[in-house]
Amino acid sequence: MDNGSSKPSDAEIVRRVIEGEINAFESLLLRYKDHVLGVVKKHVPYNEVEETAHDVFVRAYQSLSTFKGRSSFKQWLSTIAVRTCYDFWRKRYRSRELPMSSLTEEHQEWLERVVSNRSGQSFDDKASQREARELLDWALDRLSPGDRMILELVYLEGLSGREAADLLGWSVANVKVRSLRARRKLRNLLARSTEA
């Protein structure tokens, strides 16, 4: 560092925190707050974003000694963020109180219209996009946390199998197998909902 004119590196801040300067962690929090919020917003309901992001930073702080600098701090933090979102869904899945219910009549009618309209015109207006998102959320809520996360990472965010594997701590082969199975489950779930 030259006389405080440049910002300390992430590794330098991590070192300072580990050595006891715990207030230095605030600079990492400020530096990566928007990034973590961006990751979390993609995976949890809007009303859970801030609390989940807070959990990400608590986990990061508690795990700082495991940061070895093999990847960037941002990548390391992204991994913690994705795994925290995964844990959010695992916890929610275990504590589900409501039985799986079928789609509302409105969503069933909409899905039947979409399935019968092969031209895709029904997706053109914002109301149809909102209904499609609601239907997707309904279906994702009925999948296991692992299936949900793999579908979101690979198919909705467009990550490669390797990127998803790194974020989730799974093997690439496991990601490939689980993504195929999860996609099949989602398709079957949506098909059954139109038959109801």
Protein backbone atom coordinates (compact mmCIF):
# COMPACT_ATOMS: atom_id res chain seq x y z
CA MET A 1 0.00 0.00 0.00
CA ASP A 2 1.28 3.45 -0.77
CA ASN A 3 0.49 5.76 2.14
CA GLY A 4 -3.20 4.85 2.23
CA SER A 5 -3.90 6.13 -1.28
CA SER A 6 -4.96 2.68 -2.54
CA LYS A 7 -7.54 0.37 -1.07
CA PRO A 8 -6.27 -2.71 0.74
CA SER A 9 -6.75 -5.99 -1.11
CA ASP A 10 -9.36 -8.48 0.00
CA ALA A 11 -6.61 -10.83 1.15
CA GLU A 12 -5.06 -8.06 3.24
CA ILE A 13 -8.39 -7.30 4.91
CA VAL A 14 -8.99 -11.00 5.59
CA ARG A 15 -5.53 -11.25 7.17
CA ARG A 16 -6.23 -8.22 9.38
CA VAL A 17 -9.58 -9.64 10.54
CA ILE A 18 -8.05 -13.03 11.32
CA GLU A 19 -5.32 -11.30 13.31
CA GLY A 20 -7.95 -9.66 15.50
CA GLU A 21 -8.90 -6.43 13.75
CA ILE A 22 -12.54 -7.48 13.52
CA ASN A 23 -13.81 -4.05 12.47
CA ALA A 24 -11.90 -4.41 9.19
CA PHE A 25 -14.58 -6.90 8.08
CA GLU A 26 -16.92 -3.96 7.56
CA SER A 27 -14.92 -2.88 4.52
CA LEU A 28 -15.49 -6.32 2.93
CA LEU A 29 -19.17 -6.08 3.77
CA LEU A 30 -19.44 -2.66 2.12
CA ARG A 31 -17.36 -3.78 -0.86
CA TYR A 32 -19.50 -6.86 -1.58
CA LYS A 33 -22.93 -6.01 -0.18
CA ASP A 34 -24.46 -5.32 -3.62
CA HIS A 35 -22.89 -8.44 -5.10
CA VAL A 36 -24.28 -10.67 -2.34
CA LEU A 37 -27.71 -9.05 -2.60
CA GLY A 38 -27.65 -9.69 -6.34
CA VAL A 39 -26.90 -13.39 -5.84
CA VAL A 40 -29.46 -13.82 -3.08
CA LYS A 41 -32.23 -11.99 -4.98
CA LYS A 42 -32.04 -14.65 -7.69
CA HIS A 43 -32.72 -17.49 -5.27
CA VAL A 44 -34.98 -16.52 -2.37
CA PRO A 45 -38.30 -14.68 -2.05
CA TYR A 46 -38.03 -10.90 -2.00
CA ASN A 47 -39.07 -10.61 1.65
CA GLU A 48 -36.24 -12.98 2.66
CA VAL A 49 -33.40 -11.31 0.73
CA GLU A 50 -31.98 -9.05 3.44
CA GLU A 51 -32.02 -11.68 6.17
CA THR A 52 -30.45 -14.26 3.88
CA ALA A 53 -27.77 -11.78 2.76
CA HIS A 54 -27.06 -11.10 6.44
CA ASP A 55 -26.67 -14.85 6.97
CA VAL A 56 -24.19 -14.95 4.07
CA PHE A 57 -21.96 -12.36 5.73
CA VAL A 58 -22.21 -14.07 9.13
CA ARG A 59 -21.12 -17.35 7.54
CA ALA A 60 -18.35 -15.60 5.63
CA TYR A 61 -17.06 -13.95 8.80
CA GLN A 62 -17.15 -17.24 10.69
CA SER A 63 -15.34 -19.00 7.83
CA LEU A 64 -12.67 -16.39 7.06
CA SER A 65 -9.91 -18.67 8.27
CA THR A 66 -10.83 -21.11 5.47
CA PHE A 67 -10.25 -18.50 2.75
CA LYS A 68 -6.94 -19.54 1.20
CA GLY A 69 -6.92 -17.20 -1.78
CA ARG A 70 -7.08 -20.01 -4.38
CA SER A 71 -9.97 -18.14 -5.98
CA SER A 72 -10.96 -14.52 -5.63
CA PHE A 73 -12.69 -13.44 -2.45
CA LYS A 74 -15.72 -12.52 -4.57
CA GLN A 75 -15.94 -16.08 -5.94
CA TRP A 76 -15.48 -17.53 -2.45
CA LEU A 77 -18.25 -15.26 -1.15
CA SER A 78 -20.50 -16.20 -4.10
CA THR A 79 -20.12 -19.85 -3.15
CA ILE A 80 -21.17 -19.07 0.42
CA ALA A 81 -24.12 -17.04 -0.89
CA VAL A 82 -25.40 -19.84 -3.14
CA ARG A 83 -24.99 -22.44 -0.41
CA THR A 84 -26.81 -20.18 2.06
CA CYS A 85 -29.71 -19.89 -0.41
CA TYR A 86 -29.69 -23.66 -0.80
CA ASP A 87 -29.85 -24.02 2.99
CA PHE A 88 -32.72 -21.51 3.06
CA TRP A 89 -34.75 -23.81 0.78
CA ARG A 90 -33.72 -26.92 2.69
CA LYS A 91 -34.97 -25.35 5.93
CA ARG A 92 -38.20 -24.18 4.28
CA TYR A 93 -38.72 -27.60 2.69
CA ARG A 94 -38.41 -29.33 6.08
CA SER A 95 -40.80 -26.91 7.78
CA ARG A 96 -43.53 -26.95 5.14
CA GLU A 97 -46.90 -26.88 6.82
CA LEU A 98 -49.18 -26.77 3.81
CA PRO A 99 -49.72 -29.88 1.74
CA MET A 100 -48.99 -29.63 -1.94
CA SER A 101 -52.05 -28.15 -3.53
CA SER A 102 -52.99 -27.97 -7.15
CA LEU A 103 -52.79 -24.83 -9.19
CA THR A 104 -55.44 -22.18 -8.80
CA GLU A 105 -58.15 -22.34 -11.42
CA GLU A 106 -56.76 -19.16 -13.00
CA HIS A 107 -53.28 -20.69 -13.37
CA GLN A 108 -54.69 -23.94 -14.75
CA GLU A 109 -56.61 -22.02 -17.42
CA TRP A 110 -53.54 -19.96 -18.27
CA LEU A 111 -51.31 -23.04 -18.53
CA GLU A 112 -53.84 -24.76 -20.81
CA ARG A 113 -53.88 -21.67 -23.05
CA VAL A 114 -50.08 -21.61 -23.22
CA VAL A 115 -49.78 -25.32 -23.93
CA SER A 116 -52.39 -25.12 -26.69
CA ASN A 117 -50.90 -21.93 -28.18
CA ARG A 118 -47.78 -23.22 -29.95
CA SER A 119 -46.96 -19.85 -31.49
CA GLY A 120 -45.81 -18.44 -28.17
CA GLN A 121 -47.87 -15.29 -28.59
CA SER A 122 -49.31 -15.66 -25.10
CA PHE A 123 -45.90 -14.76 -23.66
CA ASP A 124 -45.83 -11.38 -25.38
CA ASP A 125 -47.65 -9.29 -22.82
CA LYS A 126 -46.51 -8.54 -19.28
CA ALA A 127 -49.50 -10.21 -17.66
CA SER A 128 -48.57 -13.51 -19.29
CA GLN A 129 -44.96 -13.10 -18.19
CA ARG A 130 -46.12 -12.48 -14.62
CA GLU A 131 -48.36 -15.56 -14.77
CA ALA A 132 -45.49 -17.62 -16.19
CA ARG A 133 -43.24 -16.52 -13.33
CA GLU A 134 -45.95 -17.33 -10.78
CA LEU A 135 -46.42 -20.76 -12.33
CA LEU A 136 -42.67 -21.39 -12.34
CA ASP A 137 -42.42 -20.29 -8.69
CA TRP A 138 -45.33 -22.60 -7.83
CA ALA A 139 -43.59 -25.53 -9.49
CA LEU A 140 -40.15 -24.75 -8.02
CA ASP A 141 -41.69 -24.60 -4.54
CA ARG A 142 -42.74 -28.22 -4.97
CA LEU A 143 -39.27 -29.48 -5.83
CA SER A 144 -36.57 -30.46 -3.37
CA PRO A 145 -34.08 -27.71 -2.45
CA GLY A 146 -31.33 -29.40 -4.49
CA ASP A 147 -33.54 -29.71 -7.57
CA ARG A 148 -34.63 -26.10 -7.22
CA MET A 149 -31.08 -24.75 -6.91
CA ILE A 150 -29.73 -26.77 -9.83
CA LEU A 151 -32.58 -25.63 -12.10
CA GLU A 152 -32.08 -22.02 -11.10
CA LEU A 153 -28.30 -22.08 -11.56
CA VAL A 154 -28.10 -24.09 -14.79
CA TYR A 155 -31.31 -23.27 -16.63
CA LEU A 156 -32.40 -19.88 -15.32
CA GLU A 157 -28.99 -18.27 -14.76
CA GLY A 158 -27.21 -20.14 -17.54
CA LEU A 159 -24.22 -21.31 -15.52
CA SER A 160 -22.14 -24.18 -16.84
CA GLY A 161 -22.14 -27.52 -15.08
CA ARG A 162 -18.66 -26.76 -13.73
CA GLU A 163 -19.72 -23.34 -12.38
CA ALA A 164 -22.79 -24.80 -10.66
CA ALA A 165 -20.71 -27.65 -9.24
CA ASP A 166 -18.17 -25.22 -7.80
CA LEU A 167 -20.87 -23.07 -6.20
CA LEU A 168 -22.75 -26.00 -4.70
CA GLY A 169 -19.73 -28.09 -3.76
CA TRP A 170 -20.92 -31.00 -5.94
CA SER A 171 -19.16 -32.95 -8.66
CA VAL A 172 -19.83 -32.03 -12.29
CA ALA A 173 -21.27 -35.51 -12.86
CA ASN A 174 -23.67 -35.01 -9.95
CA VAL A 175 -24.77 -31.66 -11.39
CA LYS A 176 -25.44 -33.22 -14.81
CA VAL A 177 -27.45 -36.10 -13.40
CA ARG A 178 -29.40 -33.96 -10.95
CA SER A 179 -30.15 -31.27 -13.53
CA LEU A 180 -31.62 -33.85 -15.92
CA ARG A 181 -33.70 -35.41 -13.16
CA ALA A 182 -34.84 -32.04 -11.84
CA ARG A 183 -35.87 -30.89 -15.30
CA ARG A 184 -37.86 -34.10 -15.77
CA LYS A 185 -39.55 -33.63 -12.38
CA LEU A 186 -40.44 -30.03 -13.25
CA ARG A 187 -41.87 -31.05 -16.62
CA ASN A 188 -43.94 -33.85 -15.01
CA LEU A 189 -45.18 -31.52 -12.31
CA LEU A 190 -46.30 -28.96 -14.89
CA ALA A 191 -47.90 -31.65 -17.04
CA ARG A 192 -49.84 -33.08 -14.09
CA SER A 193 -51.04 -29.61 -13.15
CA THR A 194 -52.76 -29.23 -16.53
CA GLU A 195 -54.54 -32.55 -16.05
CA ALA A 196 -56.01 -31.49 -12.70
